[in-house]
Amino acid sequence: MATSLKNLSEYNPDSVPNASELSIGIVVAEWNMDVNTKLLQGAVETLQKHGVLEKNIIINYVPGSFELTYGARVMAENYDVDAIIVIGTVIQGETPHFTYICQSVSYGVTELNLSYDLPFIFGLLTVNTKEQAMDRAGGKYGNKGVEAAVTAIKMALYN
């Protein structure tokens, strides 16, 4: 659904199960960190709002968005977590680099979901401008980190 039709931070809190027994991993790209910090903050605050203890939120950093899938795989293999959120931002530039990175991360997260008995949540912004990124990192369209956290909780408890 187009973000312009839905605020990423709006959801029915009653539809989110109690997450007090969950442990959630988050892998964050350092590239575009000004945006990603806001996405991470939205995710962490939402996880805690629904009961995830601070000690049960494991955060690791990777250099860029391309490295998110490897970082998520390493986290899955080395930490006892119930879901993993990948957070990053890719902003369109003048070269095809944007397309390659976005496709690679999308494919990689899909492969992780199919390869592990663990949900991997896509929290990657793929935008044309920095302004669009900020609009989706706590700006006029809400915060994609909030949406990713709600999805992580629901999928970790999916039966």
C-alpha atoms as a PDB file:
ATOM      1  CA  MET A   1       0.000   0.000   0.000  1.00  0.00           C
ATOM      2  CA  ALA A   2       1.261   3.448  -0.793  1.00  0.00           C
ATOM      3  CA  THR A   3       2.527   5.292   2.255  1.00  0.00           C
ATOM      4  CA  SER A   4       0.580   8.381   1.204  1.00  0.00           C
ATOM      5  CA  LEU A   5      -2.584   6.374   1.909  1.00  0.00           C
ATOM      6  CA  LYS A   6      -1.510   5.070   5.332  1.00  0.00           C
ATOM      7  CA  ASN A   7       0.427   6.486   8.254  1.00  0.00           C
ATOM      8  CA  LEU A   8       3.155   3.986   9.151  1.00  0.00           C
ATOM      9  CA  SER A   9       2.757   4.690  12.874  1.00  0.00           C
ATOM     10  CA  GLU A  10      -1.004   4.225  13.046  1.00  0.00           C
ATOM     11  CA  TYR A  11      -2.309   0.848  14.161  1.00  0.00           C
ATOM     12  CA  ASN A  12      -4.753  -0.598  16.643  1.00  0.00           C
ATOM     13  CA  PRO A  13      -2.701  -1.356  19.781  1.00  0.00           C
ATOM     14  CA  ASP A  14      -5.366  -3.863  20.841  1.00  0.00           C
ATOM     15  CA  SER A  15      -4.494  -5.951  17.780  1.00  0.00           C
ATOM     16  CA  VAL A  16      -0.917  -6.452  18.997  1.00  0.00           C
ATOM     17  CA  PRO A  17      -0.357  -9.428  21.313  1.00  0.00           C
ATOM     18  CA  ASN A  18       1.544  -9.146  24.593  1.00  0.00           C
ATOM     19  CA  ALA A  19       5.220  -9.352  23.712  1.00  0.00           C
ATOM     20  CA  SER A  20       6.695  -9.584  27.223  1.00  0.00           C
ATOM     21  CA  GLU A  21       8.175 -13.031  26.580  1.00  0.00           C
ATOM     22  CA  LEU A  22       9.794 -12.108  23.267  1.00  0.00           C
ATOM     23  CA  SER A  23      13.375 -11.349  22.359  1.00  0.00           C
ATOM     24  CA  ILE A  24      13.763  -9.267  19.202  1.00  0.00           C
ATOM     25  CA  GLY A  25      16.900  -8.643  17.171  1.00  0.00           C
ATOM     26  CA  ILE A  26      17.406  -5.503  15.126  1.00  0.00           C
ATOM     27  CA  VAL A  27      20.121  -5.059  12.504  1.00  0.00           C
ATOM     28  CA  VAL A  28      20.701  -1.432  11.524  1.00  0.00           C
ATOM     29  CA  ALA A  29      22.655  -0.022   8.590  1.00  0.00           C
ATOM     30  CA  GLU A  30      25.095   2.753   9.486  1.00  0.00           C
ATOM     31  CA  TRP A  31      24.713   4.392   6.056  1.00  0.00           C
ATOM     32  CA  ASN A  32      22.042   7.152   6.290  1.00  0.00           C
ATOM     33  CA  MET A  33      22.277   6.865  10.059  1.00  0.00           C
ATOM     34  CA  ASP A  34      20.392  10.112  10.652  1.00  0.00           C
ATOM     35  CA  VAL A  35      17.301   8.446   9.178  1.00  0.00           C
ATOM     36  CA  ASN A  36      17.998   4.972  10.551  1.00  0.00           C
ATOM     37  CA  THR A  37      18.363   6.257  14.112  1.00  0.00           C
ATOM     38  CA  LYS A  38      14.800   7.559  13.933  1.00  0.00           C
ATOM     39  CA  LEU A  39      13.569   4.255  12.495  1.00  0.00           C
ATOM     40  CA  LEU A  40      15.377   2.356  15.249  1.00  0.00           C
ATOM     41  CA  GLN A  41      13.929   4.619  17.917  1.00  0.00           C
ATOM     42  CA  GLY A  42      10.409   4.031  16.584  1.00  0.00           C
ATOM     43  CA  ALA A  43      10.965   0.271  16.579  1.00  0.00           C
ATOM     44  CA  VAL A  44      12.452   0.093  20.078  1.00  0.00           C
ATOM     45  CA  GLU A  45       9.778   2.326  21.625  1.00  0.00           C
ATOM     46  CA  THR A  46       7.027   0.251  20.021  1.00  0.00           C
ATOM     47  CA  LEU A  47       8.545  -3.061  21.134  1.00  0.00           C
ATOM     48  CA  GLN A  48       8.800  -1.759  24.697  1.00  0.00           C
ATOM     49  CA  LYS A  49       5.261  -0.361  24.565  1.00  0.00           C
ATOM     50  CA  HIS A  50       4.037  -3.900  23.912  1.00  0.00           C
ATOM     51  CA  GLY A  51       6.092  -5.488  26.670  1.00  0.00           C
ATOM     52  CA  VAL A  52       9.471  -6.418  25.201  1.00  0.00           C
ATOM     53  CA  LEU A  53      12.074  -5.829  27.891  1.00  0.00           C
ATOM     54  CA  GLU A  54      15.023  -3.582  27.064  1.00  0.00           C
ATOM     55  CA  LYS A  55      17.432  -6.460  27.794  1.00  0.00           C
ATOM     56  CA  ASN A  56      15.563  -8.568  25.199  1.00  0.00           C
ATOM     57  CA  ILE A  57      16.122  -6.106  22.354  1.00  0.00           C
ATOM     58  CA  ILE A  58      19.444  -6.918  20.701  1.00  0.00           C
ATOM     59  CA  ILE A  59      20.788  -4.272  18.317  1.00  0.00           C
ATOM     60  CA  ASN A  60      23.677  -4.848  15.926  1.00  0.00           C
ATOM     61  CA  TYR A  61      25.038  -2.503  13.268  1.00  0.00           C
ATOM     62  CA  VAL A  62      26.355  -3.168   9.773  1.00  0.00           C
ATOM     63  CA  PRO A  63      28.060  -0.670   7.429  1.00  0.00           C
ATOM     64  CA  GLY A  64      25.287  -0.348   4.839  1.00  0.00           C
ATOM     65  CA  SER A  65      21.977  -1.704   3.622  1.00  0.00           C
ATOM     66  CA  PHE A  66      23.601  -4.320   1.400  1.00  0.00           C
ATOM     67  CA  GLU A  67      25.092  -5.906   4.532  1.00  0.00           C
ATOM     68  CA  LEU A  68      21.733  -6.152   6.332  1.00  0.00           C
ATOM     69  CA  THR A  69      20.990  -9.684   5.158  1.00  0.00           C
ATOM     70  CA  TYR A  70      24.374 -11.019   6.266  1.00  0.00           C
ATOM     71  CA  GLY A  71      24.020  -9.230   9.601  1.00  0.00           C
ATOM     72  CA  ALA A  72      20.538 -10.691  10.032  1.00  0.00           C
ATOM     73  CA  ARG A  73      21.779 -14.195   9.230  1.00  0.00           C
ATOM     74  CA  VAL A  74      24.633 -13.878  11.728  1.00  0.00           C
ATOM     75  CA  MET A  75      22.161 -12.678  14.345  1.00  0.00           C
ATOM     76  CA  ALA A  76      19.835 -15.615  13.663  1.00  0.00           C
ATOM     77  CA  GLU A  77      22.704 -18.050  14.069  1.00  0.00           C
ATOM     78  CA  ASN A  78      24.215 -16.497  17.202  1.00  0.00           C
ATOM     79  CA  TYR A  79      21.352 -15.079  19.269  1.00  0.00           C
ATOM     80  CA  ASP A  80      18.198 -16.607  20.681  1.00  0.00           C
ATOM     81  CA  VAL A  81      15.655 -14.220  19.189  1.00  0.00           C
ATOM     82  CA  ASP A  82      12.039 -14.623  18.151  1.00  0.00           C
ATOM     83  CA  ALA A  83      12.200 -12.230  15.172  1.00  0.00           C
ATOM     84  CA  ILE A  84      14.738 -10.004  13.455  1.00  0.00           C
ATOM     85  CA  ILE A  85      14.050  -6.564  12.021  1.00  0.00           C
ATOM     86  CA  VAL A  86      16.373  -5.122   9.385  1.00  0.00           C
ATOM     87  CA  ILE A  87      16.497  -1.326   9.303  1.00  0.00           C
ATOM     88  CA  GLY A  88      18.087   0.720   6.567  1.00  0.00           C
ATOM     89  CA  THR A  89      17.540   3.481   4.051  1.00  0.00           C
ATOM     90  CA  VAL A  90      18.439   3.525   0.367  1.00  0.00           C
ATOM     91  CA  ILE A  91      18.013   6.833  -1.450  1.00  0.00           C
ATOM     92  CA  GLN A  92      17.888   6.956  -5.258  1.00  0.00           C
ATOM     93  CA  GLY A  93      20.987   8.414  -6.839  1.00  0.00           C
ATOM     94  CA  GLU A  94      22.197   8.953 -10.385  1.00  0.00           C
ATOM     95  CA  THR A  95      23.354   5.360 -10.970  1.00  0.00           C
ATOM     96  CA  PRO A  96      21.677   1.919 -10.960  1.00  0.00           C
ATOM     97  CA  HIS A  97      23.258   1.249  -7.543  1.00  0.00           C
ATOM     98  CA  PHE A  98      19.882   1.993  -5.876  1.00  0.00           C
ATOM     99  CA  THR A  99      18.126  -0.732  -7.857  1.00  0.00           C
ATOM    100  CA  TYR A 100      20.804  -3.340  -7.174  1.00  0.00           C
ATOM    101  CA  ILE A 101      20.872  -2.680  -3.441  1.00  0.00           C
ATOM    102  CA  CYS A 102      17.086  -2.624  -3.070  1.00  0.00           C
ATOM    103  CA  GLN A 103      16.648  -5.826  -5.067  1.00  0.00           C
ATOM    104  CA  SER A 104      19.463  -7.579  -3.210  1.00  0.00           C
ATOM    105  CA  VAL A 105      18.127  -6.732   0.231  1.00  0.00           C
ATOM    106  CA  SER A 106      14.556  -7.629  -0.750  1.00  0.00           C
ATOM    107  CA  TYR A 107      15.673 -10.949  -2.150  1.00  0.00           C
ATOM    108  CA  GLY A 108      17.998 -11.594   0.790  1.00  0.00           C
ATOM    109  CA  VAL A 109      15.303 -10.982   3.407  1.00  0.00           C
ATOM    110  CA  THR A 110      12.926 -13.229   1.476  1.00  0.00           C
ATOM    111  CA  GLU A 111      15.557 -15.978   1.381  1.00  0.00           C
ATOM    112  CA  LEU A 112      16.168 -15.643   5.117  1.00  0.00           C
ATOM    113  CA  ASN A 113      12.440 -15.988   5.789  1.00  0.00           C
ATOM    114  CA  LEU A 114      12.350 -19.165   3.727  1.00  0.00           C
ATOM    115  CA  SER A 115      15.562 -20.624   5.157  1.00  0.00           C
ATOM    116  CA  TYR A 116      15.026 -20.133   8.892  1.00  0.00           C
ATOM    117  CA  ASP A 117      12.185 -20.904  11.245  1.00  0.00           C
ATOM    118  CA  LEU A 118      12.235 -17.268  12.246  1.00  0.00           C
ATOM    119  CA  PRO A 119      10.559 -14.143  10.857  1.00  0.00           C
ATOM    120  CA  PHE A 120      12.808 -11.510   9.293  1.00  0.00           C
ATOM    121  CA  ILE A 121      11.049  -8.157   9.001  1.00  0.00           C
ATOM    122  CA  PHE A 122      11.741  -5.744   6.137  1.00  0.00           C
ATOM    123  CA  GLY A 123      12.308  -2.292   7.629  1.00  0.00           C
ATOM    124  CA  LEU A 124      14.187  -0.871   4.655  1.00  0.00           C
ATOM    125  CA  LEU A 125      13.154   2.487   3.257  1.00  0.00           C
ATOM    126  CA  THR A 126      13.580   2.668  -0.531  1.00  0.00           C
ATOM    127  CA  VAL A 127      12.979   6.283  -1.468  1.00  0.00           C
ATOM    128  CA  ASN A 128      13.799   8.836  -4.120  1.00  0.00           C
ATOM    129  CA  THR A 129      14.869  11.679  -1.825  1.00  0.00           C
ATOM    130  CA  LYS A 130      16.118  12.413   1.669  1.00  0.00           C
ATOM    131  CA  GLU A 131      12.867  14.293   2.293  1.00  0.00           C
ATOM    132  CA  GLN A 132      10.857  11.147   1.513  1.00  0.00           C
ATOM    133  CA  ALA A 133      13.036   9.210   3.942  1.00  0.00           C
ATOM    134  CA  MET A 134      12.471  11.722   6.740  1.00  0.00           C
ATOM    135  CA  ASP A 135       8.729  11.708   6.008  1.00  0.00           C
ATOM    136  CA  ARG A 136       8.784   7.952   6.753  1.00  0.00           C
ATOM    137  CA  ALA A 137      11.112   8.164   9.754  1.00  0.00           C
ATOM    138  CA  GLY A 138       8.796  10.016  12.089  1.00  0.00           C
ATOM    139  CA  GLY A 139       7.625  12.673   9.637  1.00  0.00           C
ATOM    140  CA  LYS A 140       4.309  13.215   7.938  1.00  0.00           C
ATOM    141  CA  TYR A 141       3.876   9.543   6.981  1.00  0.00           C
ATOM    142  CA  GLY A 142       4.755   8.178  10.408  1.00  0.00           C
ATOM    143  CA  ASN A 143       7.637   5.870  11.224  1.00  0.00           C
ATOM    144  CA  LYS A 144       8.458   2.680   9.333  1.00  0.00           C
ATOM    145  CA  GLY A 145      10.246   1.459  12.483  1.00  0.00           C
ATOM    146  CA  VAL A 146       6.913   1.394  14.332  1.00  0.00           C
ATOM    147  CA  GLU A 147       5.350  -0.646  11.553  1.00  0.00           C
ATOM    148  CA  ALA A 148       8.311  -3.057  11.518  1.00  0.00           C
ATOM    149  CA  ALA A 149       8.109  -3.570  15.297  1.00  0.00           C
ATOM    150  CA  VAL A 150       4.379  -4.335  15.207  1.00  0.00           C
ATOM    151  CA  THR A 151       4.994  -6.770  12.354  1.00  0.00           C
ATOM    152  CA  ALA A 152       7.848  -8.439  14.275  1.00  0.00           C
ATOM    153  CA  ILE A 153       5.646  -9.000  17.320  1.00  0.00           C
ATOM    154  CA  LYS A 154       2.750 -10.376  15.290  1.00  0.00           C
ATOM    155  CA  MET A 155       4.978 -12.664  13.244  1.00  0.00           C
ATOM    156  CA  ALA A 156       6.981 -13.895  16.247  1.00  0.00           C
ATOM    157  CA  LEU A 157       3.692 -15.002  17.821  1.00  0.00           C
ATOM    158  CA  TYR A 158       2.148 -16.240  14.568  1.00  0.00           C
ATOM    159  CA  ASN A 159       0.717 -19.731  14.879  1.00  0.00           C
END
